[in-house]
Protein backbone atom coordinates (compact mmCIF):
# COMPACT_ATOMS: atom_id res chain seq x y z
CA MET A 1 -19.51 -66.83 52.12
CA PHE A 2 -16.68 -69.08 52.26
CA VAL A 3 -14.46 -66.56 50.52
CA LEU A 4 -16.25 -63.30 52.95
CA SER A 5 -15.24 -65.31 56.40
CA LEU A 6 -11.70 -66.10 55.02
CA ALA A 7 -11.83 -62.01 55.11
CA LEU A 8 -12.95 -61.37 58.47
CA VAL A 9 -11.03 -63.85 59.70
CA LEU A 10 -8.25 -62.25 58.34
CA VAL A 11 -9.19 -58.63 59.56
CA SER A 12 -9.54 -60.15 62.74
CA VAL A 13 -5.81 -61.84 63.12
CA SER A 14 -4.33 -58.42 61.65
CA ALA A 15 -6.08 -56.07 64.37
CA VAL A 16 -5.22 -58.55 67.28
CA ALA A 17 -1.53 -58.51 65.96
CA VAL A 18 -1.95 -54.69 65.63
CA ARG A 19 -3.50 -54.29 69.38
CA ALA A 20 -0.40 -56.92 70.69
CA GLN A 21 1.74 -54.86 69.31
CA GLY A 22 0.70 -51.61 71.43
CA GLU A 23 -0.33 -50.04 68.31
CA GLU A 24 -3.13 -48.13 67.66
CA PRO A 25 -4.74 -46.63 64.38
CA ALA A 26 -3.85 -43.67 63.30
CA ARG A 27 -6.98 -40.76 63.49
CA GLY A 28 -7.13 -38.01 61.04
CA PRO A 29 -7.93 -34.48 62.22
CA THR A 30 -11.95 -34.06 63.33
CA PHE A 31 -14.53 -32.73 60.87
CA GLY A 32 -14.33 -29.22 62.96
CA ALA A 33 -10.47 -28.61 62.33
CA ARG A 34 -10.71 -29.66 59.03
CA ALA A 35 -13.72 -27.26 58.27
CA ALA A 36 -11.95 -24.44 60.12
CA GLN A 37 -9.02 -25.12 57.99
CA ALA A 38 -10.50 -25.03 54.64
CA LEU A 39 -11.83 -21.36 56.24
CA ILE A 40 -8.60 -20.03 56.11
CA ASP A 41 -7.75 -21.38 53.42
CA GLY A 42 -10.38 -20.24 51.63
CA VAL A 43 -10.39 -16.73 52.44
CA GLN A 44 -6.40 -16.87 51.83
CA PHE A 45 -7.43 -17.75 48.31
CA GLY A 46 -10.26 -15.47 47.78
CA VAL A 47 -8.29 -12.13 49.14
CA ILE A 48 -5.53 -13.26 46.22
CA ILE A 49 -7.97 -13.37 43.87
CA ALA A 50 -10.20 -10.08 44.71
CA ILE A 51 -6.76 -8.32 44.54
CA THR A 52 -6.04 -9.98 41.18
CA SER A 53 -9.83 -9.26 39.58
CA VAL A 54 -9.93 -5.26 41.10
CA GLY A 55 -8.24 -4.36 37.86
CA LEU A 56 -10.16 -6.62 35.61
CA SER A 57 -13.88 -5.21 37.28
CA LEU A 58 -12.56 -1.26 37.53
CA ILE A 59 -11.42 -1.68 33.37
CA PHE A 60 -15.08 -3.02 32.51
CA GLY A 61 -16.53 -0.46 34.58
CA THR A 62 -14.57 2.46 33.07
CA ILE A 63 -14.73 1.50 28.91
CA HIS A 64 -17.02 -1.88 29.59
CA LEU A 65 -14.12 -4.22 28.14
CA ILE A 66 -14.02 -7.57 28.66
CA ASN A 67 -10.45 -8.25 29.42
CA PHE A 68 -9.40 -11.67 28.34
CA ALA A 69 -5.64 -11.01 28.55
CA HIS A 70 -5.99 -9.93 32.84
CA GLY A 71 -4.84 -13.51 33.93
CA GLU A 72 -1.22 -13.02 31.57
CA PHE A 73 -0.54 -9.77 33.79
CA VAL A 74 -0.48 -11.90 36.76
CA THR A 75 1.79 -14.91 35.36
CA ILE A 76 3.88 -11.63 34.09
CA GLY A 77 4.14 -10.34 37.39
CA ALA A 78 4.83 -13.85 39.20
CA THR A 79 7.75 -14.18 36.84
CA PHE A 80 9.07 -10.77 36.50
CA ALA A 81 9.74 -11.09 40.44
CA PHE A 82 11.14 -14.45 39.91
CA PHE A 83 13.34 -13.39 37.61
CA LEU A 84 14.51 -10.92 39.69
CA ASN A 85 14.25 -13.21 42.71
CA ALA A 86 15.60 -16.97 42.08
CA SER A 87 16.65 -16.93 38.01
CA ALA A 88 20.08 -17.68 37.46
CA ALA A 89 19.91 -14.75 35.45
CA GLY A 90 18.24 -12.65 37.58
CA PRO A 91 20.25 -9.85 40.01
CA GLY A 92 19.35 -12.37 42.95
CA TRP A 93 17.22 -9.91 44.80
CA HIS A 94 15.33 -10.77 48.01
CA LEU A 95 11.50 -10.87 47.11
CA ILE A 96 10.78 -7.75 48.69
CA PRO A 97 12.54 -5.25 46.65
CA ALA A 98 11.50 -7.65 42.95
CA ALA A 99 8.06 -8.09 44.10
CA LEU A 100 7.75 -4.30 44.72
CA ALA A 101 9.25 -3.80 41.34
CA ALA A 102 7.38 -6.53 39.55
CA VAL A 103 3.60 -4.44 40.86
CA VAL A 104 5.84 -1.14 39.20
CA PHE A 105 6.30 -3.36 36.22
CA GLY A 106 2.91 -4.13 35.90
CA ALA A 107 1.61 -0.97 36.72
CA LEU A 108 3.73 0.56 33.43
CA LEU A 109 2.57 -2.71 31.40
CA GLY A 110 -0.91 -1.95 31.88
CA GLY A 111 -0.49 1.91 30.79
CA ALA A 112 1.62 0.95 27.87
CA VAL A 113 -0.86 -1.66 26.84
CA ASP A 114 -3.67 0.70 27.09
CA ARG A 115 -1.90 4.29 25.15
CA GLY A 116 -0.69 1.69 22.56
CA LEU A 117 -2.78 -0.82 21.96
CA TRP A 118 -6.66 -0.09 24.14
CA ARG A 119 -6.64 4.50 23.08
CA PRO A 120 -5.96 3.97 19.36
CA LEU A 121 -8.78 0.91 19.14
CA ARG A 122 -11.17 3.68 20.70
CA ALA A 123 -10.14 6.91 19.11
CA ARG A 124 -11.76 4.35 15.70
CA GLY A 125 -14.23 3.21 16.93
CA THR A 126 -13.94 -0.25 17.52
CA GLY A 127 -16.78 -2.40 18.28
CA LEU A 128 -16.63 -3.81 21.37
CA ILE A 129 -16.73 -7.32 20.33
CA ASN A 130 -13.57 -7.02 17.91
CA MET A 131 -11.97 -5.67 21.06
CA PHE A 132 -12.91 -8.87 23.40
CA ILE A 133 -10.94 -10.76 20.15
CA VAL A 134 -8.20 -8.79 20.38
CA THR A 135 -7.95 -9.51 23.80
CA ILE A 136 -7.87 -13.04 23.66
CA GLY A 137 -5.33 -13.06 20.93
CA LEU A 138 -2.82 -10.55 23.02
CA SER A 139 -3.79 -13.47 26.17
CA LEU A 140 -2.41 -15.44 23.25
CA VAL A 141 1.04 -13.72 22.34
CA LEU A 142 1.05 -12.84 26.23
CA ARG A 143 1.32 -16.34 27.35
CA HIS A 144 3.73 -17.70 24.71
CA VAL A 145 6.11 -14.81 25.40
CA VAL A 146 6.37 -16.04 28.46
CA LEU A 147 6.21 -19.91 27.84
CA VAL A 148 9.28 -19.04 26.02
CA LEU A 149 11.39 -16.75 28.20
CA TYR A 150 10.05 -18.49 31.14
CA GLY A 151 9.88 -22.28 29.82
CA THR A 152 7.43 -25.05 31.64
CA ARG A 153 9.26 -26.05 34.64
CA PRO A 154 7.28 -24.90 37.67
CA ALA A 155 9.73 -23.03 40.12
CA SER A 156 9.17 -21.10 43.75
CA PHE A 157 11.03 -17.85 44.91
CA ALA A 158 14.28 -18.25 46.96
CA GLN A 159 12.64 -16.55 50.32
CA TYR A 160 10.17 -17.95 52.95
CA ASP A 161 9.75 -21.27 50.72
CA ILE A 162 9.72 -23.62 54.09
CA GLN A 163 8.49 -22.82 56.98
CA SER A 164 6.89 -24.36 60.19
CA ALA A 165 3.15 -24.20 60.88
CA ILE A 166 1.59 -22.21 63.67
CA SER A 167 -1.51 -23.16 64.93
CA VAL A 168 -4.40 -20.82 64.77
CA GLY A 169 -7.38 -22.37 67.04
CA PRO A 170 -7.91 -26.62 65.47
CA ALA A 171 -6.28 -24.95 61.82
CA SER A 172 -2.54 -24.34 61.49
CA ILE A 173 -1.45 -21.61 59.47
CA THR A 174 2.28 -20.90 58.02
CA PRO A 175 3.83 -17.02 58.86
CA ARG A 176 4.03 -17.20 55.05
CA ASP A 177 0.77 -17.09 54.12
CA LEU A 178 -0.57 -15.31 57.68
CA THR A 179 1.71 -12.22 56.03
CA VAL A 180 0.27 -12.82 52.41
CA THR A 181 -3.93 -12.63 53.76
CA LEU A 182 -3.23 -9.88 56.15
CA LEU A 183 -1.12 -7.81 53.40
CA ALA A 184 -3.89 -8.57 50.40
CA VAL A 185 -6.72 -7.51 52.90
CA LEU A 186 -4.31 -4.25 53.34
CA VAL A 187 -3.95 -3.47 49.52
CA LEU A 188 -7.99 -4.50 49.14
CA LEU A 189 -8.63 -1.64 52.12
CA GLY A 190 -6.34 0.70 50.62
CA VAL A 191 -7.67 0.46 47.30
CA ALA A 192 -11.19 1.18 48.98
CA ALA A 193 -10.25 4.35 50.46
CA LEU A 194 -8.66 5.30 47.18
CA LEU A 195 -11.63 5.33 45.34
CA GLN A 196 -13.39 6.65 48.21
CA LYS A 197 -10.83 9.21 49.64
CA THR A 198 -9.26 10.73 47.03
CA ARG A 199 -10.13 12.89 43.48
CA ILE A 200 -8.89 10.53 41.09
CA GLY A 201 -10.75 8.13 42.81
CA THR A 202 -13.93 9.97 42.22
CA ALA A 203 -12.87 10.60 38.97
CA VAL A 204 -12.75 6.69 38.48
CA ARG A 205 -16.65 6.06 40.55
CA ALA A 206 -18.04 8.97 38.53
CA VAL A 207 -16.54 7.93 34.74
CA SER A 208 -17.96 4.37 35.70
CA ALA A 209 -21.29 5.61 36.94
CA ASN A 210 -21.77 7.75 33.48
CA ARG A 211 -18.96 8.10 31.17
CA ASP A 212 -20.80 10.63 29.20
CA LEU A 213 -21.86 12.89 32.32
CA ALA A 214 -18.32 12.53 33.86
CA GLU A 215 -16.69 13.89 30.49
CA ALA A 216 -19.19 17.14 30.38
CA THR A 217 -18.09 18.12 34.41
CA GLY A 218 -14.79 18.29 32.91
CA ILE A 219 -13.18 15.03 33.57
CA ASP A 220 -10.54 14.44 31.49
CA VAL A 221 -11.54 10.70 30.88
CA GLN A 222 -8.53 8.87 28.49
CA ARG A 223 -6.07 10.11 32.30
CA VAL A 224 -8.99 8.25 34.36
CA VAL A 225 -8.49 4.95 32.05
CA LEU A 226 -4.95 5.33 31.45
CA TYR A 227 -4.46 5.08 35.46
CA VAL A 228 -7.29 2.40 35.48
CA TRP A 229 -4.79 0.22 33.61
CA MET A 230 -2.15 1.16 35.30
CA LEU A 231 -3.76 0.07 38.89
CA GLY A 232 -5.31 -2.95 37.26
CA GLY A 233 -1.81 -4.50 35.56
CA GLY A 234 -0.18 -3.45 39.26
CA LEU A 235 -2.55 -5.01 41.47
CA ALA A 236 -2.39 -7.89 38.50
CA ALA A 237 1.41 -8.29 38.80
CA LEU A 238 0.66 -7.96 43.34
CA GLY A 239 -1.37 -11.51 43.13
CA GLY A 240 0.67 -13.05 40.92
CA VAL A 241 3.41 -12.76 43.26
CA PHE A 242 1.12 -13.66 46.47
CA PHE A 243 0.15 -16.35 44.63
CA GLY A 244 3.16 -17.59 43.36
CA LEU A 245 5.03 -17.68 47.08
CA VAL A 246 1.79 -19.18 48.97
CA GLU A 247 1.27 -22.16 45.63
CA ILE A 248 3.53 -22.35 42.82
CA ILE A 249 4.45 -20.25 39.57
CA THR A 250 3.79 -21.92 36.07
CA TRP A 251 4.20 -20.13 32.68
CA ASP A 252 -0.06 -20.14 33.12
CA MET A 253 -0.54 -19.74 36.04
CA GLY A 254 -2.81 -16.49 35.40
CA PHE A 255 -4.58 -18.20 32.96
CA LYS A 256 -5.59 -21.10 35.13
CA LEU A 257 -6.84 -18.51 38.00
CA LEU A 258 -9.08 -16.08 35.00
CA LEU A 259 -11.77 -17.73 35.66
CA LEU A 260 -12.18 -17.64 39.03
CA MET A 261 -11.69 -13.82 38.50
CA PHE A 262 -14.53 -13.25 36.12
CA ALA A 263 -16.47 -15.62 38.48
CA GLY A 264 -16.00 -12.74 41.45
CA VAL A 265 -16.78 -10.04 39.59
CA ILE A 266 -19.84 -11.03 37.73
CA LEU A 267 -20.92 -12.75 41.02
CA GLY A 268 -19.88 -9.05 43.06
CA GLY A 269 -21.73 -7.19 39.71
CA LEU A 270 -19.62 -6.41 36.51
CA GLY A 271 -17.87 -3.05 37.20
CA SER A 272 -18.13 -2.66 41.04
CA ALA A 273 -14.40 -2.47 42.57
CA TYR A 274 -16.34 -3.93 45.74
CA GLY A 275 -18.48 -5.99 43.97
CA ALA A 276 -15.46 -7.96 42.53
CA MET A 277 -13.76 -8.07 46.38
CA VAL A 278 -16.68 -9.51 48.01
CA GLY A 279 -17.76 -12.31 45.44
CA SER A 280 -14.00 -12.93 45.13
CA LEU A 281 -13.90 -13.77 48.66
CA VAL A 282 -17.22 -16.26 48.34
CA VAL A 283 -15.58 -17.50 45.50
CA GLY A 284 -12.24 -18.43 47.37
CA VAL A 285 -14.17 -20.30 50.09
CA VAL A 286 -16.71 -21.78 48.33
CA ALA A 287 -14.23 -23.12 46.86
CA GLN A 288 -11.97 -24.42 49.09
CA VAL A 289 -14.92 -25.19 51.80
CA SER A 290 -15.95 -28.07 49.46
CA THR A 291 -13.11 -29.95 49.16
CA LEU A 292 -14.30 -31.19 52.55
CA TRP A 293 -17.55 -33.29 51.20
CA PHE A 294 -15.99 -33.35 47.37
CA PRO A 295 -12.95 -33.97 45.34
CA VAL A 296 -10.21 -31.25 44.72
CA ASP A 297 -10.28 -31.65 41.17
CA LEU A 298 -14.39 -30.05 41.71
CA GLN A 299 -13.72 -27.51 43.82
CA TYR A 300 -13.93 -25.13 40.93
CA ALA A 301 -17.25 -26.01 39.40
CA TRP A 302 -18.71 -25.40 42.95
CA ALA A 303 -17.65 -22.11 42.67
CA LEU A 304 -19.29 -22.05 39.11
CA LEU A 305 -22.29 -23.87 41.10
CA VAL A 306 -22.43 -20.80 43.50
CA LEU A 307 -22.53 -18.29 40.80
CA ILE A 308 -25.00 -19.79 38.77
CA VAL A 309 -27.03 -19.56 42.09
CA VAL A 310 -26.56 -16.10 43.10
CA LEU A 311 -27.38 -15.34 39.39
CA LEU A 312 -30.36 -16.52 39.07
CA VAL A 313 -32.18 -14.95 42.49
CA ARG A 314 -30.17 -11.52 41.65
CA PRO A 315 -28.81 -11.01 38.33
CA GLN A 316 -27.20 -8.04 38.68
CA GLY A 317 -24.37 -9.62 41.30
CA ILE A 318 -24.77 -8.73 45.18
CA LEU A 319 -23.67 -5.32 44.85
CA GLY A 320 -24.39 -4.90 41.56
CA ARG A 321 -26.89 -2.27 40.23
CA ALA A 322 -29.87 -3.30 38.44
CA GLU A 323 -30.57 -1.35 35.37
CA ARG A 324 -33.75 -1.54 33.16
CA VAL A 325 -33.33 -3.20 29.81
CA GLY A 326 -35.30 -2.05 26.59
């Protein structure tokens, strides 16, 4: 009791001293302001995940391959743009042409991997389980190549690093983050238009729906698969540039993002590009909003918990097609 009384006296004396000096306790943002900020951050995070996961979903839809190495395409896109933009050994390009070059490089790398590795394996009749194991090996190889060439030190791009935030109601966002979010939304809308309004998009949807029937109608399935790999590689590289711009560039950034990409794809519906977009947006928003009540270290865990709950109610995912088994 004596110790408790002494503690109360000390607290009271401290409070009187603060009031005597004319100082008031600092007030943090309200819950509504923090919720609005978390929602904005979640949308931004979600659309970046969506850009990276669309290619992952399209690849599964066309050849039913779970590409464990897809995260490394994200890392390669970010580090390649960093080399062109801010590396001491690079040419010192501005970030915009460096990002465009990274997207082209990612698309070419995706096409090269398909032509040099996956097409020969498919021609030999390699099983999906064996090909999945190959994707794990490819992921390890690419990740450690990036480690050797890039190093372990985190870095950032030369432009748009430090900016003043602008107010959006009770929340705030920097012009860089706002631009990244809007560009990501435009890219996703462009992918949707590509799939719906172009011949190659129609062919991709046909191969995803029924590969044998698409081939019987005269569609060059191998060429469609090549285009899908190039599209997936380019989008993953662009997502890596965006993620490195709003966060930081590390040698394993794509691997850390891979679990959320899989969560977005599965939540939206395996093989559905639109499902990957919706699922990734849900994952990003849940991950950020959960920090209002729980530690930041658990934000990915809550996103995965939402995945489990949704799959218990709708096993095919949000936009997936229900199929009869057996």
